[in-house]
Amino acid sequence: MNKYGKNIIRLLRKQNAKGLKKYGCTLEENDTLSTIQRIEHLQEELIDGLKAYIAQARALGYKVYVGTLLPMGGWRTDAPFRQEMRHAYNDFIRTTDLIDGCIDFDAALRDPENPNYFLPEYDSGDHLHPSAAGYRRMAEEIPAELLK
């Protein structure tokens, strides 16, 4: 298993040992894409890490919901290859039948006229992290069944 699935699996095991809710929910950080220097096989590594997380969560009896990566257009290290990876990762999340649900934060926060960018009201100003309004909008995307 690669590094993209290990930490979340450790967390799931702790939650399971404590008898906590049986929902696994993950959102890969845009920082992962914004800081990489090496691009060979990274897209596959990210998706393989997510698949490992899903398999482990399922083995522990969890339902699995996954959030899409957020827009990052305009961030100082934004580049076409990073956007390509972001879109591929998000497409996987939106179309896979391995999970119980996709929480499409990307669709909720992106500018429909320029989908690699946040809507201005949801951009913190650094073009990588949401504003307070963006975080509130993300919270609205969480399925109600996960909050019960």
C-alpha atoms as a PDB file:
ATOM      1  CA  MET A   1       0.000   0.000   0.000  1.00  0.00           C
ATOM      2  CA  ASN A   2       1.329   3.465  -0.800  1.00  0.00           C
ATOM      3  CA  LYS A   3       1.487   6.464   1.535  1.00  0.00           C
ATOM      4  CA  TYR A   4      -1.823   7.932   0.333  1.00  0.00           C
ATOM      5  CA  GLY A   5      -3.900   5.322   2.159  1.00  0.00           C
ATOM      6  CA  LYS A   6      -1.897   4.524   5.304  1.00  0.00           C
ATOM      7  CA  ASN A   7      -2.777   7.405   7.649  1.00  0.00           C
ATOM      8  CA  ILE A   8      -6.517   7.260   7.055  1.00  0.00           C
ATOM      9  CA  ILE A   9      -6.538   3.496   7.542  1.00  0.00           C
ATOM     10  CA  ARG A  10      -4.782   3.937  10.902  1.00  0.00           C
ATOM     11  CA  LEU A  11      -7.505   6.425  11.882  1.00  0.00           C
ATOM     12  CA  LEU A  12     -10.267   4.023  10.800  1.00  0.00           C
ATOM     13  CA  ARG A  13      -8.812   1.270  12.954  1.00  0.00           C
ATOM     14  CA  LYS A  14      -8.761   3.586  15.981  1.00  0.00           C
ATOM     15  CA  GLN A  15     -12.365   4.616  15.371  1.00  0.00           C
ATOM     16  CA  ASN A  16     -13.419   1.003  14.940  1.00  0.00           C
ATOM     17  CA  ALA A  17     -11.700  -0.007  18.184  1.00  0.00           C
ATOM     18  CA  LYS A  18     -13.634   2.719  19.999  1.00  0.00           C
ATOM     19  CA  GLY A  19     -16.976   1.654  18.468  1.00  0.00           C
ATOM     20  CA  LEU A  20     -17.465   4.974  16.677  1.00  0.00           C
ATOM     21  CA  LYS A  21     -19.795   5.585  13.721  1.00  0.00           C
ATOM     22  CA  LYS A  22     -19.613   3.215  10.817  1.00  0.00           C
ATOM     23  CA  TYR A  23     -19.054   5.835   8.135  1.00  0.00           C
ATOM     24  CA  GLY A  24     -15.704   6.496   6.556  1.00  0.00           C
ATOM     25  CA  CYS A  25     -15.394   9.847   4.842  1.00  0.00           C
ATOM     26  CA  THR A  26     -12.232  11.165   3.246  1.00  0.00           C
ATOM     27  CA  LEU A  27     -11.111  14.216   1.362  1.00  0.00           C
ATOM     28  CA  GLU A  28      -7.598  14.245  -0.060  1.00  0.00           C
ATOM     29  CA  GLU A  29      -5.913  17.581   0.506  1.00  0.00           C
ATOM     30  CA  ASN A  30      -5.208  19.817  -2.466  1.00  0.00           C
ATOM     31  CA  ASP A  31      -1.830  20.369  -0.810  1.00  0.00           C
ATOM     32  CA  THR A  32      -0.922  16.888  -2.072  1.00  0.00           C
ATOM     33  CA  LEU A  33      -1.243  18.093  -5.651  1.00  0.00           C
ATOM     34  CA  SER A  34       0.101  21.569  -5.032  1.00  0.00           C
ATOM     35  CA  THR A  35       3.492  20.444  -3.729  1.00  0.00           C
ATOM     36  CA  ILE A  36       4.439  17.434  -5.814  1.00  0.00           C
ATOM     37  CA  GLN A  37       7.513  17.614  -7.962  1.00  0.00           C
ATOM     38  CA  ARG A  38       7.315  14.163  -9.526  1.00  0.00           C
ATOM     39  CA  ILE A  39       4.366  13.316 -11.724  1.00  0.00           C
ATOM     40  CA  GLU A  40       5.110   9.820 -13.014  1.00  0.00           C
ATOM     41  CA  HIS A  41       2.432   7.445 -11.790  1.00  0.00           C
ATOM     42  CA  LEU A  42       1.136   9.870  -9.158  1.00  0.00           C
ATOM     43  CA  GLN A  43      -2.409   9.839 -10.517  1.00  0.00           C
ATOM     44  CA  GLU A  44      -2.465   6.037 -10.236  1.00  0.00           C
ATOM     45  CA  GLU A  45      -0.866   6.192  -6.761  1.00  0.00           C
ATOM     46  CA  LEU A  46      -3.545   8.587  -5.498  1.00  0.00           C
ATOM     47  CA  ILE A  47      -6.352   6.421  -6.838  1.00  0.00           C
ATOM     48  CA  ASP A  48      -4.682   3.211  -5.606  1.00  0.00           C
ATOM     49  CA  GLY A  49      -4.318   4.774  -2.147  1.00  0.00           C
ATOM     50  CA  LEU A  50      -7.992   5.652  -2.190  1.00  0.00           C
ATOM     51  CA  LYS A  51      -8.893   2.112  -3.263  1.00  0.00           C
ATOM     52  CA  ALA A  52      -6.819   0.728  -0.374  1.00  0.00           C
ATOM     53  CA  TYR A  53      -8.631   3.044   2.042  1.00  0.00           C
ATOM     54  CA  ILE A  54     -11.994   1.927   0.645  1.00  0.00           C
ATOM     55  CA  ALA A  55     -11.086  -1.771   0.951  1.00  0.00           C
ATOM     56  CA  GLN A  56      -9.902  -1.350   4.544  1.00  0.00           C
ATOM     57  CA  ALA A  57     -12.958   0.683   5.489  1.00  0.00           C
ATOM     58  CA  ARG A  58     -15.218  -1.963   3.968  1.00  0.00           C
ATOM     59  CA  ALA A  59     -13.352  -4.713   5.839  1.00  0.00           C
ATOM     60  CA  LEU A  60     -14.115  -2.834   9.074  1.00  0.00           C
ATOM     61  CA  GLY A  61     -17.802  -2.592   8.137  1.00  0.00           C
ATOM     62  CA  TYR A  62     -17.865   1.083   7.182  1.00  0.00           C
ATOM     63  CA  LYS A  63     -19.927   2.796   4.546  1.00  0.00           C
ATOM     64  CA  VAL A  64     -17.614   4.994   2.499  1.00  0.00           C
ATOM     65  CA  TYR A  65     -18.151   8.543   1.239  1.00  0.00           C
ATOM     66  CA  VAL A  66     -15.421  10.415  -0.586  1.00  0.00           C
ATOM     67  CA  GLY A  67     -15.100  14.133  -1.245  1.00  0.00           C
ATOM     68  CA  THR A  68     -13.744  15.476  -4.505  1.00  0.00           C
ATOM     69  CA  LEU A  69     -10.626  17.619  -4.706  1.00  0.00           C
ATOM     70  CA  LEU A  70     -11.302  21.341  -4.672  1.00  0.00           C
ATOM     71  CA  PRO A  71     -10.487  23.833  -7.426  1.00  0.00           C
ATOM     72  CA  MET A  72      -6.946  25.182  -7.284  1.00  0.00           C
ATOM     73  CA  GLY A  73      -6.690  27.431 -10.327  1.00  0.00           C
ATOM     74  CA  GLY A  74      -4.531  30.456  -9.621  1.00  0.00           C
ATOM     75  CA  TRP A  75      -2.527  28.809  -6.820  1.00  0.00           C
ATOM     76  CA  ARG A  76       1.161  29.620  -7.173  1.00  0.00           C
ATOM     77  CA  THR A  77       2.081  26.061  -8.246  1.00  0.00           C
ATOM     78  CA  ASP A  78      -0.986  25.433 -10.400  1.00  0.00           C
ATOM     79  CA  ALA A  79      -0.050  23.738 -13.646  1.00  0.00           C
ATOM     80  CA  PRO A  80      -1.885  21.802 -16.364  1.00  0.00           C
ATOM     81  CA  PHE A  81      -0.559  18.448 -15.105  1.00  0.00           C
ATOM     82  CA  ARG A  82      -1.935  19.170 -11.601  1.00  0.00           C
ATOM     83  CA  GLN A  83      -5.338  20.057 -13.013  1.00  0.00           C
ATOM     84  CA  GLU A  84      -5.259  16.901 -15.130  1.00  0.00           C
ATOM     85  CA  MET A  85      -4.590  14.784 -12.013  1.00  0.00           C
ATOM     86  CA  ARG A  86      -7.283  16.613 -10.043  1.00  0.00           C
ATOM     87  CA  HIS A  87      -9.846  16.008 -12.757  1.00  0.00           C
ATOM     88  CA  ALA A  88      -8.886  12.320 -13.127  1.00  0.00           C
ATOM     89  CA  TYR A  89      -9.100  11.783  -9.357  1.00  0.00           C
ATOM     90  CA  ASN A  90     -12.461  13.549  -9.179  1.00  0.00           C
ATOM     91  CA  ASP A  91     -13.780  11.618 -12.185  1.00  0.00           C
ATOM     92  CA  PHE A  92     -12.846   8.377 -10.447  1.00  0.00           C
ATOM     93  CA  ILE A  93     -14.671   9.428  -7.276  1.00  0.00           C
ATOM     94  CA  ARG A  94     -17.758  10.503  -9.208  1.00  0.00           C
ATOM     95  CA  THR A  95     -17.999   7.305 -11.234  1.00  0.00           C
ATOM     96  CA  THR A  96     -16.708   4.469  -9.056  1.00  0.00           C
ATOM     97  CA  ASP A  97     -19.108   1.927  -7.651  1.00  0.00           C
ATOM     98  CA  LEU A  98     -16.661   1.146  -4.827  1.00  0.00           C
ATOM     99  CA  ILE A  99     -18.117   3.848  -2.556  1.00  0.00           C
ATOM    100  CA  ASP A 100     -21.503   4.634  -1.078  1.00  0.00           C
ATOM    101  CA  GLY A 101     -21.425   8.244  -2.151  1.00  0.00           C
ATOM    102  CA  CYS A 102     -19.459  11.064  -3.668  1.00  0.00           C
ATOM    103  CA  ILE A 103     -19.510  14.393  -1.868  1.00  0.00           C
ATOM    104  CA  ASP A 104     -18.883  16.737  -4.759  1.00  0.00           C
ATOM    105  CA  PHE A 105     -17.164  19.664  -3.077  1.00  0.00           C
ATOM    106  CA  ASP A 106     -15.590  20.594  -6.407  1.00  0.00           C
ATOM    107  CA  ALA A 107     -18.972  21.122  -8.083  1.00  0.00           C
ATOM    108  CA  ALA A 108     -20.252  23.055  -5.067  1.00  0.00           C
ATOM    109  CA  LEU A 109     -17.341  25.516  -4.910  1.00  0.00           C
ATOM    110  CA  ARG A 110     -16.077  25.881  -8.459  1.00  0.00           C
ATOM    111  CA  ASP A 111     -16.817  28.724 -10.818  1.00  0.00           C
ATOM    112  CA  PRO A 112     -19.077  27.322 -13.568  1.00  0.00           C
ATOM    113  CA  GLU A 113     -17.509  29.739 -16.059  1.00  0.00           C
ATOM    114  CA  ASN A 114     -13.972  28.701 -15.099  1.00  0.00           C
ATOM    115  CA  PRO A 115     -14.165  25.266 -13.419  1.00  0.00           C
ATOM    116  CA  ASN A 116     -10.512  25.093 -12.368  1.00  0.00           C
ATOM    117  CA  TYR A 117     -11.140  28.078 -10.065  1.00  0.00           C
ATOM    118  CA  PHE A 118     -13.229  28.700  -6.961  1.00  0.00           C
ATOM    119  CA  LEU A 119     -16.201  30.991  -7.182  1.00  0.00           C
ATOM    120  CA  PRO A 120     -14.804  34.263  -5.772  1.00  0.00           C
ATOM    121  CA  GLU A 121     -16.927  34.108  -2.602  1.00  0.00           C
ATOM    122  CA  TYR A 122     -15.573  30.634  -1.821  1.00  0.00           C
ATOM    123  CA  ASP A 123     -11.880  31.480  -2.333  1.00  0.00           C
ATOM    124  CA  SER A 124      -9.828  32.346   0.756  1.00  0.00           C
ATOM    125  CA  GLY A 125      -7.592  34.453  -1.440  1.00  0.00           C
ATOM    126  CA  ASP A 126      -4.772  31.959  -1.836  1.00  0.00           C
ATOM    127  CA  HIS A 127      -6.681  30.004  -4.532  1.00  0.00           C
ATOM    128  CA  LEU A 128      -6.028  26.700  -2.733  1.00  0.00           C
ATOM    129  CA  HIS A 129      -8.136  26.815   0.436  1.00  0.00           C
ATOM    130  CA  PRO A 130     -11.806  27.743   0.777  1.00  0.00           C
ATOM    131  CA  SER A 131     -12.984  30.877   2.542  1.00  0.00           C
ATOM    132  CA  ALA A 132     -15.247  30.660   5.596  1.00  0.00           C
ATOM    133  CA  ALA A 133     -18.202  30.827   3.188  1.00  0.00           C
ATOM    134  CA  GLY A 134     -16.604  28.018   1.193  1.00  0.00           C
ATOM    135  CA  TYR A 135     -16.331  25.808   4.256  1.00  0.00           C
ATOM    136  CA  ARG A 136     -19.966  26.530   5.105  1.00  0.00           C
ATOM    137  CA  ARG A 137     -20.926  25.557   1.548  1.00  0.00           C
ATOM    138  CA  MET A 138     -18.923  22.337   1.897  1.00  0.00           C
ATOM    139  CA  ALA A 139     -20.786  21.532   5.109  1.00  0.00           C
ATOM    140  CA  GLU A 140     -24.062  21.836   3.213  1.00  0.00           C
ATOM    141  CA  GLU A 141     -22.891  19.091   0.862  1.00  0.00           C
ATOM    142  CA  ILE A 142     -22.491  16.510   3.622  1.00  0.00           C
ATOM    143  CA  PRO A 143     -25.325  13.959   3.410  1.00  0.00           C
ATOM    144  CA  ALA A 144     -27.691  14.287   6.388  1.00  0.00           C
ATOM    145  CA  GLU A 145     -27.375  10.555   7.170  1.00  0.00           C
ATOM    146  CA  LEU A 146     -23.702  11.091   8.034  1.00  0.00           C
ATOM    147  CA  LEU A 147     -24.589  13.652  10.672  1.00  0.00           C
ATOM    148  CA  LYS A 148     -27.077  11.529  12.611  1.00  0.00           C
END
